[in-house]
Amino acid sequence: MEKSSTTGVDRNILIAIDGSDSSKNALRQTIEYSKKVNCRITVLTVLPPYEWELEIGIVKNIKGIYRELGEKILSGAKEIAEKEGVQIETVLEEGGIHEAIINVAESRACDLIVMGRRGLSNLDRAFMGSVTARVIGYSPIDVLVIPGKGVIKCDNILLAVDGSKYSDVAVDRAISMAQAYGSSLKVLSVVDVPAEAYAEAPDAVDKLVEEARKLTQKVEDQARSSGIKTESFVKVGDPHEKIVDTAKELGADTICMGSHGRTGLKRLLMGSVTEKVIGNTPCPVLVVKSY
């Protein structure tokens, strides 16, 4: 999964962990992945900034407690890696969490940022997590979000396309991945119209469906020309629901989607298709960045 090449394989991965079960699973999955490919893993923990108006002695004590906790988290990561016979580098940073994650990833020329996704409470479904959302919103580097019990696997990739330039970048990435791993590729385009549109303007809906079919067929032809086993699908309805449902129906290992590059605060508001997919799917989601 390398952004800057056509190999489809990541060589330099940054994984951000916070001691939660979901981040531990993401770490284990990344370590397991590294056994299959020759890649470098940097494990990062970020300590939150200290901006409270407290006495100096109290602030120093709080900083010491947080630093000790961060070091403990990274020490646990080293133990996990050593048991698996994998070498990792660890980094402890302090400050804005999403900024630190992106800065470390860029300074180390990482190909991929990996993050764990917490459980599926109603709050998590509505708000994927401010840190994850902000990393995706601002990072120029691809981001892989792994659910609490998710597994990194690329046998069956679901690629969601919409014809945008961001989607085109995801197409190239998914095809490279499928070539590298010998994966099958499922291509999905969702026509985003309400059910009542059929009754009100059936011809208009049919036209949109036909355009979506042409799009998926184009991607399918491109993938097949690269020797990849490919199928395409067109669904009508809410995009994130259809993507998640299709992933479950097809037993997809990974969902691949395109996204803007540094998008700014307006794009960080919850409710985007990408964020809703991440919040509701049981499999990892690879957000391919274009900037």
C-alpha atoms as a PDB file:
ATOM      1  CA  MET A   1       0.000   0.000   0.000  1.00  0.00           C
ATOM      2  CA  GLU A   2       2.606   2.586  -0.918  1.00  0.00           C
ATOM      3  CA  LYS A   3       1.264   6.006  -1.883  1.00  0.00           C
ATOM      4  CA  SER A   4       4.212   7.138  -3.937  1.00  0.00           C
ATOM      5  CA  SER A   5       4.766   3.962  -5.926  1.00  0.00           C
ATOM      6  CA  THR A   6       2.852   1.390  -7.916  1.00  0.00           C
ATOM      7  CA  THR A   7       3.934  -1.610  -5.859  1.00  0.00           C
ATOM      8  CA  GLY A   8       0.813  -1.574  -3.706  1.00  0.00           C
ATOM      9  CA  VAL A   9       2.890  -2.474  -0.635  1.00  0.00           C
ATOM     10  CA  ASP A  10       3.566  -0.151   2.313  1.00  0.00           C
ATOM     11  CA  ARG A  11       7.216   0.174   3.296  1.00  0.00           C
ATOM     12  CA  ASN A  12       7.125   2.802   6.029  1.00  0.00           C
ATOM     13  CA  ILE A  13       4.196   2.762   8.450  1.00  0.00           C
ATOM     14  CA  LEU A  14       3.310   4.994  11.372  1.00  0.00           C
ATOM     15  CA  ILE A  15       0.857   3.591  13.897  1.00  0.00           C
ATOM     16  CA  ALA A  16      -0.591   5.862  16.560  1.00  0.00           C
ATOM     17  CA  ILE A  17      -1.537   4.128  19.818  1.00  0.00           C
ATOM     18  CA  ASP A  18      -3.122   5.342  23.046  1.00  0.00           C
ATOM     19  CA  GLY A  19      -3.238   2.213  25.196  1.00  0.00           C
ATOM     20  CA  SER A  20      -6.837   1.349  24.271  1.00  0.00           C
ATOM     21  CA  ASP A  21      -7.807  -2.168  23.210  1.00  0.00           C
ATOM     22  CA  SER A  22      -8.552  -0.938  19.694  1.00  0.00           C
ATOM     23  CA  SER A  23      -5.090   0.594  19.307  1.00  0.00           C
ATOM     24  CA  LYS A  24      -3.465  -2.575  20.689  1.00  0.00           C
ATOM     25  CA  ASN A  25      -5.304  -4.622  18.078  1.00  0.00           C
ATOM     26  CA  ALA A  26      -4.225  -2.179  15.356  1.00  0.00           C
ATOM     27  CA  LEU A  27      -0.631  -2.562  16.567  1.00  0.00           C
ATOM     28  CA  ARG A  28      -0.809  -6.360  16.508  1.00  0.00           C
ATOM     29  CA  GLN A  29      -2.332  -6.304  13.039  1.00  0.00           C
ATOM     30  CA  THR A  30       0.378  -3.966  11.760  1.00  0.00           C
ATOM     31  CA  ILE A  31       3.094  -6.170  13.250  1.00  0.00           C
ATOM     32  CA  GLU A  32       1.515  -9.238  11.644  1.00  0.00           C
ATOM     33  CA  TYR A  33       1.387  -7.387   8.331  1.00  0.00           C
ATOM     34  CA  SER A  34       5.067  -6.504   8.637  1.00  0.00           C
ATOM     35  CA  LYS A  35       5.948 -10.191   8.763  1.00  0.00           C
ATOM     36  CA  LYS A  36       4.587 -10.603   5.253  1.00  0.00           C
ATOM     37  CA  VAL A  37       6.307  -7.581   3.751  1.00  0.00           C
ATOM     38  CA  ASN A  38       9.565  -5.853   4.516  1.00  0.00           C
ATOM     39  CA  CYS A  39       8.442  -2.613   6.119  1.00  0.00           C
ATOM     40  CA  ARG A  40       9.497  -0.193   8.803  1.00  0.00           C
ATOM     41  CA  ILE A  41       7.133   0.461  11.723  1.00  0.00           C
ATOM     42  CA  THR A  42       7.150   3.571  13.886  1.00  0.00           C
ATOM     43  CA  VAL A  43       4.875   3.468  16.933  1.00  0.00           C
ATOM     44  CA  LEU A  44       3.761   6.853  18.246  1.00  0.00           C
ATOM     45  CA  THR A  45       2.065   7.928  21.455  1.00  0.00           C
ATOM     46  CA  VAL A  46       1.131  11.575  21.912  1.00  0.00           C
ATOM     47  CA  LEU A  47       0.771  13.208  25.321  1.00  0.00           C
ATOM     48  CA  PRO A  48      -1.964  15.868  25.474  1.00  0.00           C
ATOM     49  CA  PRO A  49      -0.903  19.512  25.864  1.00  0.00           C
ATOM     50  CA  TYR A  50      -0.999  21.228  29.258  1.00  0.00           C
ATOM     51  CA  GLU A  51      -2.933  24.453  29.091  1.00  0.00           C
ATOM     52  CA  TRP A  52      -4.560  24.638  32.497  1.00  0.00           C
ATOM     53  CA  GLU A  53      -3.842  27.497  34.877  1.00  0.00           C
ATOM     54  CA  LEU A  54      -2.398  25.440  37.696  1.00  0.00           C
ATOM     55  CA  GLU A  55       0.489  25.917  40.068  1.00  0.00           C
ATOM     56  CA  ILE A  56       3.846  25.008  38.559  1.00  0.00           C
ATOM     57  CA  GLY A  57       4.397  22.124  40.955  1.00  0.00           C
ATOM     58  CA  ILE A  58       1.038  20.567  40.114  1.00  0.00           C
ATOM     59  CA  VAL A  59       1.645  20.942  36.372  1.00  0.00           C
ATOM     60  CA  LYS A  60       5.032  19.245  36.679  1.00  0.00           C
ATOM     61  CA  ASN A  61       3.407  16.401  38.569  1.00  0.00           C
ATOM     62  CA  ILE A  62       0.705  15.975  35.919  1.00  0.00           C
ATOM     63  CA  LYS A  63       3.310  16.055  33.150  1.00  0.00           C
ATOM     64  CA  GLY A  64       5.308  13.407  34.971  1.00  0.00           C
ATOM     65  CA  ILE A  65       2.258  11.164  35.339  1.00  0.00           C
ATOM     66  CA  TYR A  66       1.340  11.501  31.653  1.00  0.00           C
ATOM     67  CA  ARG A  67       4.904  10.915  30.508  1.00  0.00           C
ATOM     68  CA  GLU A  68       5.145   7.799  32.661  1.00  0.00           C
ATOM     69  CA  LEU A  69       1.875   6.565  31.170  1.00  0.00           C
ATOM     70  CA  GLY A  70       3.076   7.264  27.625  1.00  0.00           C
ATOM     71  CA  GLU A  71       6.346   5.459  28.230  1.00  0.00           C
ATOM     72  CA  LYS A  72       4.433   2.513  29.660  1.00  0.00           C
ATOM     73  CA  ILE A  73       2.253   2.327  26.550  1.00  0.00           C
ATOM     74  CA  LEU A  74       5.312   2.327  24.272  1.00  0.00           C
ATOM     75  CA  SER A  75       7.098  -0.199  26.474  1.00  0.00           C
ATOM     76  CA  GLY A  76       4.101  -2.499  26.084  1.00  0.00           C
ATOM     77  CA  ALA A  77       4.265  -2.032  22.313  1.00  0.00           C
ATOM     78  CA  LYS A  78       7.929  -3.067  22.323  1.00  0.00           C
ATOM     79  CA  GLU A  79       7.096  -6.198  24.289  1.00  0.00           C
ATOM     80  CA  ILE A  80       4.409  -7.169  21.781  1.00  0.00           C
ATOM     81  CA  ALA A  81       6.802  -6.602  18.867  1.00  0.00           C
ATOM     82  CA  GLU A  82       9.658  -8.516  20.505  1.00  0.00           C
ATOM     83  CA  LYS A  83       7.421 -11.530  21.112  1.00  0.00           C
ATOM     84  CA  GLU A  84       6.604 -11.528  17.411  1.00  0.00           C
ATOM     85  CA  GLY A  85      10.234 -11.080  16.403  1.00  0.00           C
ATOM     86  CA  VAL A  86       9.577  -7.714  14.778  1.00  0.00           C
ATOM     87  CA  GLN A  87      11.655  -4.592  15.272  1.00  0.00           C
ATOM     88  CA  ILE A  88       9.876  -1.281  15.803  1.00  0.00           C
ATOM     89  CA  GLU A  89      10.818   2.295  16.604  1.00  0.00           C
ATOM     90  CA  THR A  90       8.914   4.188  19.282  1.00  0.00           C
ATOM     91  CA  VAL A  91       8.284   7.919  19.566  1.00  0.00           C
ATOM     92  CA  LEU A  92       6.738   9.895  22.429  1.00  0.00           C
ATOM     93  CA  GLU A  93       5.449  13.361  21.547  1.00  0.00           C
ATOM     94  CA  GLU A  94       3.555  16.084  23.392  1.00  0.00           C
ATOM     95  CA  GLY A  95       1.033  18.537  22.007  1.00  0.00           C
ATOM     96  CA  GLY A  96      -1.945  18.549  19.680  1.00  0.00           C
ATOM     97  CA  ILE A  97      -2.556  14.878  18.936  1.00  0.00           C
ATOM     98  CA  HIS A  98      -3.606  14.957  15.297  1.00  0.00           C
ATOM     99  CA  GLU A  99      -0.921  17.527  14.455  1.00  0.00           C
ATOM    100  CA  ALA A 100       1.766  15.393  16.107  1.00  0.00           C
ATOM    101  CA  ILE A 101       0.632  12.256  14.267  1.00  0.00           C
ATOM    102  CA  ILE A 102       0.768  13.981  10.888  1.00  0.00           C
ATOM    103  CA  ASN A 103       4.045  15.787  11.619  1.00  0.00           C
ATOM    104  CA  VAL A 104       5.817  12.586  12.653  1.00  0.00           C
ATOM    105  CA  ALA A 105       4.427  10.726   9.651  1.00  0.00           C
ATOM    106  CA  GLU A 106       5.630  13.438   7.271  1.00  0.00           C
ATOM    107  CA  SER A 107       9.039  13.876   8.923  1.00  0.00           C
ATOM    108  CA  ARG A 108       9.651  10.127   8.640  1.00  0.00           C
ATOM    109  CA  ALA A 109       8.355   9.934   5.057  1.00  0.00           C
ATOM    110  CA  CYS A 110       5.707   7.381   6.003  1.00  0.00           C
ATOM    111  CA  ASP A 111       3.539   5.781   3.342  1.00  0.00           C
ATOM    112  CA  LEU A 112       0.654   4.999   5.667  1.00  0.00           C
ATOM    113  CA  ILE A 113      -0.831   6.061   9.007  1.00  0.00           C
ATOM    114  CA  VAL A 114      -2.612   3.301  10.940  1.00  0.00           C
ATOM    115  CA  MET A 115      -5.143   4.013  13.675  1.00  0.00           C
ATOM    116  CA  GLY A 116      -7.478   1.823  15.710  1.00  0.00           C
ATOM    117  CA  ARG A 117     -11.175   2.590  15.867  1.00  0.00           C
ATOM    118  CA  ARG A 118     -12.991   2.291  19.152  1.00  0.00           C
ATOM    119  CA  GLY A 119     -16.289   0.451  19.683  1.00  0.00           C
ATOM    120  CA  LEU A 120     -19.628   1.070  18.040  1.00  0.00           C
ATOM    121  CA  SER A 121     -21.587   2.929  20.687  1.00  0.00           C
ATOM    122  CA  ASN A 122     -24.205   5.406  19.466  1.00  0.00           C
ATOM    123  CA  LEU A 123     -21.768   8.220  20.168  1.00  0.00           C
ATOM    124  CA  ASP A 124     -18.988   6.500  18.196  1.00  0.00           C
ATOM    125  CA  ARG A 125     -21.355   5.987  15.281  1.00  0.00           C
ATOM    126  CA  ALA A 126     -22.260   9.661  15.274  1.00  0.00           C
ATOM    127  CA  PHE A 127     -18.755  10.960  15.983  1.00  0.00           C
ATOM    128  CA  MET A 128     -16.055   8.674  14.662  1.00  0.00           C
ATOM    129  CA  GLY A 129     -13.540  10.238  17.018  1.00  0.00           C
ATOM    130  CA  SER A 130     -12.189  13.750  16.800  1.00  0.00           C
ATOM    131  CA  VAL A 131      -8.539  12.664  16.571  1.00  0.00           C
ATOM    132  CA  THR A 132      -9.153  10.119  13.790  1.00  0.00           C
ATOM    133  CA  ALA A 133     -11.405  12.547  11.919  1.00  0.00           C
ATOM    134  CA  ARG A 134      -8.817  15.305  12.123  1.00  0.00           C
ATOM    135  CA  VAL A 135      -5.973  13.049  11.016  1.00  0.00           C
ATOM    136  CA  ILE A 136      -8.033  12.021   7.989  1.00  0.00           C
ATOM    137  CA  GLY A 137      -9.079  15.614   7.378  1.00  0.00           C
ATOM    138  CA  TYR A 138      -5.604  17.110   7.439  1.00  0.00           C
ATOM    139  CA  SER A 139      -3.224  14.286   6.486  1.00  0.00           C
ATOM    140  CA  PRO A 140      -1.736  14.183   2.977  1.00  0.00           C
ATOM    141  CA  ILE A 141      -0.827  10.549   3.730  1.00  0.00           C
ATOM    142  CA  ASP A 142      -3.174   7.579   3.357  1.00  0.00           C
ATOM    143  CA  VAL A 143      -4.884   6.485   6.575  1.00  0.00           C
ATOM    144  CA  LEU A 144      -5.943   2.941   7.481  1.00  0.00           C
ATOM    145  CA  VAL A 145      -8.547   2.771  10.258  1.00  0.00           C
ATOM    146  CA  ILE A 146      -8.940  -0.644  11.890  1.00  0.00           C
ATOM    147  CA  PRO A 147     -12.002  -1.577  13.993  1.00  0.00           C
ATOM    148  CA  GLY A 148     -11.518  -2.984  17.491  1.00  0.00           C
ATOM    149  CA  LYS A 149     -11.406  -6.588  16.280  1.00  0.00           C
ATOM    150  CA  GLY A 150     -10.554  -5.897  12.652  1.00  0.00           C
ATOM    151  CA  VAL A 151      -7.868  -7.771  10.737  1.00  0.00           C
ATOM    152  CA  ILE A 152      -5.522  -6.424   8.079  1.00  0.00           C
ATOM    153  CA  LYS A 153      -6.281  -8.594   5.080  1.00  0.00           C
ATOM    154  CA  CYS A 154      -6.432  -7.830   1.365  1.00  0.00           C
ATOM    155  CA  ASP A 155      -7.893 -10.923  -0.284  1.00  0.00           C
ATOM    156  CA  ASN A 156     -11.169  -9.231  -1.143  1.00  0.00           C
ATOM    157  CA  ILE A 157     -11.118  -5.446  -1.583  1.00  0.00           C
ATOM    158  CA  LEU A 158     -14.223  -3.296  -1.969  1.00  0.00           C
ATOM    159  CA  LEU A 159     -13.503  -0.095  -3.872  1.00  0.00           C
ATOM    160  CA  ALA A 160     -16.093   2.674  -3.624  1.00  0.00           C
ATOM    161  CA  VAL A 161     -16.030   5.084  -6.576  1.00  0.00           C
ATOM    162  CA  ASP A 162     -17.939   8.238  -7.489  1.00  0.00           C
ATOM    163  CA  GLY A 163     -16.117   9.548 -10.552  1.00  0.00           C
ATOM    164  CA  SER A 164     -14.318  12.374  -8.733  1.00  0.00           C
ATOM    165  CA  LYS A 165     -10.570  12.995  -9.034  1.00  0.00           C
ATOM    166  CA  TYR A 166     -10.235  11.777  -5.438  1.00  0.00           C
ATOM    167  CA  SER A 167     -11.963   8.555  -6.401  1.00  0.00           C
ATOM    168  CA  ASP A 168      -9.599   8.148  -9.365  1.00  0.00           C
ATOM    169  CA  VAL A 169      -6.614   8.165  -6.989  1.00  0.00           C
ATOM    170  CA  ALA A 170      -8.290   5.447  -4.912  1.00  0.00           C
ATOM    171  CA  VAL A 171      -8.811   3.389  -8.076  1.00  0.00           C
ATOM    172  CA  ASP A 172      -5.081   3.408  -8.835  1.00  0.00           C
ATOM    173  CA  ARG A 173      -4.276   2.513  -5.221  1.00  0.00           C
ATOM    174  CA  ALA A 174      -6.776  -0.343  -5.080  1.00  0.00           C
ATOM    175  CA  ILE A 175      -5.540  -1.810  -8.364  1.00  0.00           C
ATOM    176  CA  SER A 176      -1.927  -1.643  -7.135  1.00  0.00           C
ATOM    177  CA  MET A 177      -2.948  -3.382  -3.913  1.00  0.00           C
ATOM    178  CA  ALA A 178      -4.867  -6.075  -5.752  1.00  0.00           C
ATOM    179  CA  GLN A 179      -1.879  -6.736  -8.001  1.00  0.00           C
ATOM    180  CA  ALA A 180       0.518  -6.902  -5.053  1.00  0.00           C
ATOM    181  CA  TYR A 181      -1.622  -9.260  -2.976  1.00  0.00           C
ATOM    182  CA  GLY A 182      -3.368 -11.262  -5.688  1.00  0.00           C
ATOM    183  CA  SER A 183      -6.683  -9.868  -4.436  1.00  0.00           C
ATOM    184  CA  SER A 184     -10.092  -9.870  -6.032  1.00  0.00           C
ATOM    185  CA  LEU A 185     -11.562  -6.406  -6.473  1.00  0.00           C
ATOM    186  CA  LYS A 186     -15.199  -5.422  -6.087  1.00  0.00           C
ATOM    187  CA  VAL A 187     -16.116  -2.010  -7.519  1.00  0.00           C
ATOM    188  CA  LEU A 188     -19.155  -0.188  -6.149  1.00  0.00           C
ATOM    189  CA  SER A 189     -20.854   3.049  -7.143  1.00  0.00           C
ATOM    190  CA  VAL A 190     -23.848   4.322  -5.194  1.00  0.00           C
ATOM    191  CA  VAL A 191     -26.482   6.554  -6.779  1.00  0.00           C
ATOM    192  CA  ASP A 192     -27.465   8.900  -3.976  1.00  0.00           C
ATOM    193  CA  VAL A 193     -31.165   9.561  -4.501  1.00  0.00           C
ATOM    194  CA  PRO A 194     -34.108   9.087  -2.097  1.00  0.00           C
ATOM    195  CA  ALA A 195     -36.560   6.252  -2.686  1.00  0.00           C
ATOM    196  CA  GLU A 196     -39.362   8.659  -3.649  1.00  0.00           C
ATOM    197  CA  ALA A 197     -37.266   9.885  -6.586  1.00  0.00           C
ATOM    198  CA  TYR A 198     -38.309   6.791  -8.552  1.00  0.00           C
ATOM    199  CA  ALA A 199     -41.946   7.868  -8.392  1.00  0.00           C
ATOM    200  CA  GLU A 200     -41.245  11.509  -9.105  1.00  0.00           C
ATOM    201  CA  ALA A 201     -38.573  11.223 -11.807  1.00  0.00           C
ATOM    202  CA  PRO A 202     -37.853   7.620 -12.795  1.00  0.00           C
ATOM    203  CA  ASP A 203     -36.134   8.608 -16.063  1.00  0.00           C
ATOM    204  CA  ALA A 204     -33.689  10.870 -14.230  1.00  0.00           C
ATOM    205  CA  VAL A 205     -32.841   8.105 -11.774  1.00  0.00           C
ATOM    206  CA  ASP A 206     -32.340   5.595 -14.581  1.00  0.00           C
ATOM    207  CA  LYS A 207     -29.944   8.026 -16.249  1.00  0.00           C
ATOM    208  CA  LEU A 208     -27.907   8.341 -13.061  1.00  0.00           C
ATOM    209  CA  VAL A 209     -27.812   4.566 -12.673  1.00  0.00           C
ATOM    210  CA  GLU A 210     -26.599   4.183 -16.255  1.00  0.00           C
ATOM    211  CA  GLU A 211     -23.842   6.731 -15.659  1.00  0.00           C
ATOM    212  CA  ALA A 212     -22.813   4.823 -12.543  1.00  0.00           C
ATOM    213  CA  ARG A 213     -22.729   1.574 -14.525  1.00  0.00           C
ATOM    214  CA  LYS A 214     -20.451   3.175 -17.131  1.00  0.00           C
ATOM    215  CA  LEU A 215     -18.154   4.374 -14.352  1.00  0.00           C
ATOM    216  CA  THR A 216     -17.898   0.991 -12.637  1.00  0.00           C
ATOM    217  CA  GLN A 217     -17.460  -0.765 -15.973  1.00  0.00           C
ATOM    218  CA  LYS A 218     -14.571   1.547 -16.837  1.00  0.00           C
ATOM    219  CA  VAL A 219     -12.858   0.741 -13.537  1.00  0.00           C
ATOM    220  CA  GLU A 220     -13.614  -2.956 -13.951  1.00  0.00           C
ATOM    221  CA  ASP A 221     -12.042  -2.946 -17.423  1.00  0.00           C
ATOM    222  CA  GLN A 222      -8.973  -1.134 -16.072  1.00  0.00           C
ATOM    223  CA  ALA A 223      -8.544  -3.681 -13.295  1.00  0.00           C
ATOM    224  CA  ARG A 224      -9.078  -6.677 -15.548  1.00  0.00           C
ATOM    225  CA  SER A 225      -6.489  -5.356 -17.983  1.00  0.00           C
ATOM    226  CA  SER A 226      -4.056  -5.643 -15.058  1.00  0.00           C
ATOM    227  CA  GLY A 227      -5.021  -9.285 -14.562  1.00  0.00           C
ATOM    228  CA  ILE A 228      -7.250  -8.687 -11.535  1.00  0.00           C
ATOM    229  CA  LYS A 229     -10.420 -10.674 -10.913  1.00  0.00           C
ATOM    230  CA  THR A 230     -13.074  -7.964 -10.746  1.00  0.00           C
ATOM    231  CA  GLU A 231     -16.816  -7.492 -10.326  1.00  0.00           C
ATOM    232  CA  SER A 232     -18.793  -4.257 -10.328  1.00  0.00           C
ATOM    233  CA  PHE A 233     -22.002  -3.192  -8.632  1.00  0.00           C
ATOM    234  CA  VAL A 234     -24.340  -0.213  -8.703  1.00  0.00           C
ATOM    235  CA  LYS A 235     -26.661   0.467  -5.778  1.00  0.00           C
ATOM    236  CA  VAL A 236     -29.260   3.171  -5.182  1.00  0.00           C
ATOM    237  CA  GLY A 237     -29.713   4.769  -1.772  1.00  0.00           C
ATOM    238  CA  ASP A 238     -27.720   6.255   1.061  1.00  0.00           C
ATOM    239  CA  PRO A 239     -24.020   5.948   0.072  1.00  0.00           C
ATOM    240  CA  HIS A 240     -22.544   4.966   3.442  1.00  0.00           C
ATOM    241  CA  GLU A 241     -25.312   2.436   4.142  1.00  0.00           C
ATOM    242  CA  LYS A 242     -24.919   0.798   0.735  1.00  0.00           C
ATOM    243  CA  ILE A 243     -21.124   0.688   1.041  1.00  0.00           C
ATOM    244  CA  VAL A 244     -21.264  -0.908   4.502  1.00  0.00           C
ATOM    245  CA  ASP A 245     -24.035  -3.343   3.511  1.00  0.00           C
ATOM    246  CA  THR A 246     -22.217  -4.355   0.320  1.00  0.00           C
ATOM    247  CA  ALA A 247     -18.972  -4.912   2.226  1.00  0.00           C
ATOM    248  CA  LYS A 248     -20.802  -7.266   4.586  1.00  0.00           C
ATOM    249  CA  GLU A 249     -22.642  -9.060   1.766  1.00  0.00           C
ATOM    250  CA  LEU A 250     -19.437  -9.649  -0.205  1.00  0.00           C
ATOM    251  CA  GLY A 251     -17.274 -10.456   2.805  1.00  0.00           C
ATOM    252  CA  ALA A 252     -14.866  -7.635   1.982  1.00  0.00           C
ATOM    253  CA  ASP A 253     -11.586  -7.602   3.939  1.00  0.00           C
ATOM    254  CA  THR A 254     -10.885  -3.928   3.269  1.00  0.00           C
ATOM    255  CA  ILE A 255     -12.869  -0.962   1.994  1.00  0.00           C
ATOM    256  CA  CYS A 256     -10.894   1.479  -0.135  1.00  0.00           C
ATOM    257  CA  MET A 257     -12.169   5.049  -0.553  1.00  0.00           C
ATOM    258  CA  GLY A 258     -10.822   8.310  -1.880  1.00  0.00           C
ATOM    259  CA  SER A 259     -10.694  11.529   0.092  1.00  0.00           C
ATOM    260  CA  HIS A 260      -9.484  15.094  -0.203  1.00  0.00           C
ATOM    261  CA  GLY A 261      -6.054  16.049   1.051  1.00  0.00           C
ATOM    262  CA  ARG A 262      -5.764  18.794   3.662  1.00  0.00           C
ATOM    263  CA  THR A 263      -9.409  19.730   3.829  1.00  0.00           C
ATOM    264  CA  GLY A 264      -9.685  22.300   6.611  1.00  0.00           C
ATOM    265  CA  LEU A 265     -12.056  22.523   9.535  1.00  0.00           C
ATOM    266  CA  LYS A 266     -15.227  22.661   7.458  1.00  0.00           C
ATOM    267  CA  ARG A 267     -14.503  19.186   6.141  1.00  0.00           C
ATOM    268  CA  LEU A 268     -13.963  17.800   9.626  1.00  0.00           C
ATOM    269  CA  LEU A 269     -17.601  17.998  10.616  1.00  0.00           C
ATOM    270  CA  MET A 270     -19.080  14.533  11.113  1.00  0.00           C
ATOM    271  CA  GLY A 271     -21.519  13.279   8.545  1.00  0.00           C
ATOM    272  CA  SER A 272     -19.355  12.652   5.494  1.00  0.00           C
ATOM    273  CA  VAL A 273     -19.684   9.346   3.685  1.00  0.00           C
ATOM    274  CA  THR A 274     -16.128   8.345   4.592  1.00  0.00           C
ATOM    275  CA  GLU A 275     -16.607   9.033   8.284  1.00  0.00           C
ATOM    276  CA  LYS A 276     -19.927   7.194   8.416  1.00  0.00           C
ATOM    277  CA  VAL A 277     -18.448   4.175   6.657  1.00  0.00           C
ATOM    278  CA  ILE A 278     -15.548   4.085   9.106  1.00  0.00           C
ATOM    279  CA  GLY A 279     -17.933   4.374  12.043  1.00  0.00           C
ATOM    280  CA  ASN A 280     -20.156   1.480  10.970  1.00  0.00           C
ATOM    281  CA  THR A 281     -18.166  -1.134   9.083  1.00  0.00           C
ATOM    282  CA  PRO A 282     -16.635  -4.231  10.726  1.00  0.00           C
ATOM    283  CA  CYS A 283     -13.623  -4.254   8.384  1.00  0.00           C
ATOM    284  CA  PRO A 284     -10.669  -1.849   8.004  1.00  0.00           C
ATOM    285  CA  VAL A 285     -11.108   1.222   5.809  1.00  0.00           C
ATOM    286  CA  LEU A 286      -8.250   2.605   3.733  1.00  0.00           C
ATOM    287  CA  VAL A 287      -8.737   6.329   3.087  1.00  0.00           C
ATOM    288  CA  VAL A 288      -6.649   7.243   0.046  1.00  0.00           C
ATOM    289  CA  LYS A 289      -5.583  10.865   0.072  1.00  0.00           C
ATOM    290  CA  SER A 290      -5.303  13.240  -2.867  1.00  0.00           C
ATOM    291  CA  TYR A 291      -3.779  16.691  -2.494  1.00  0.00           C
END
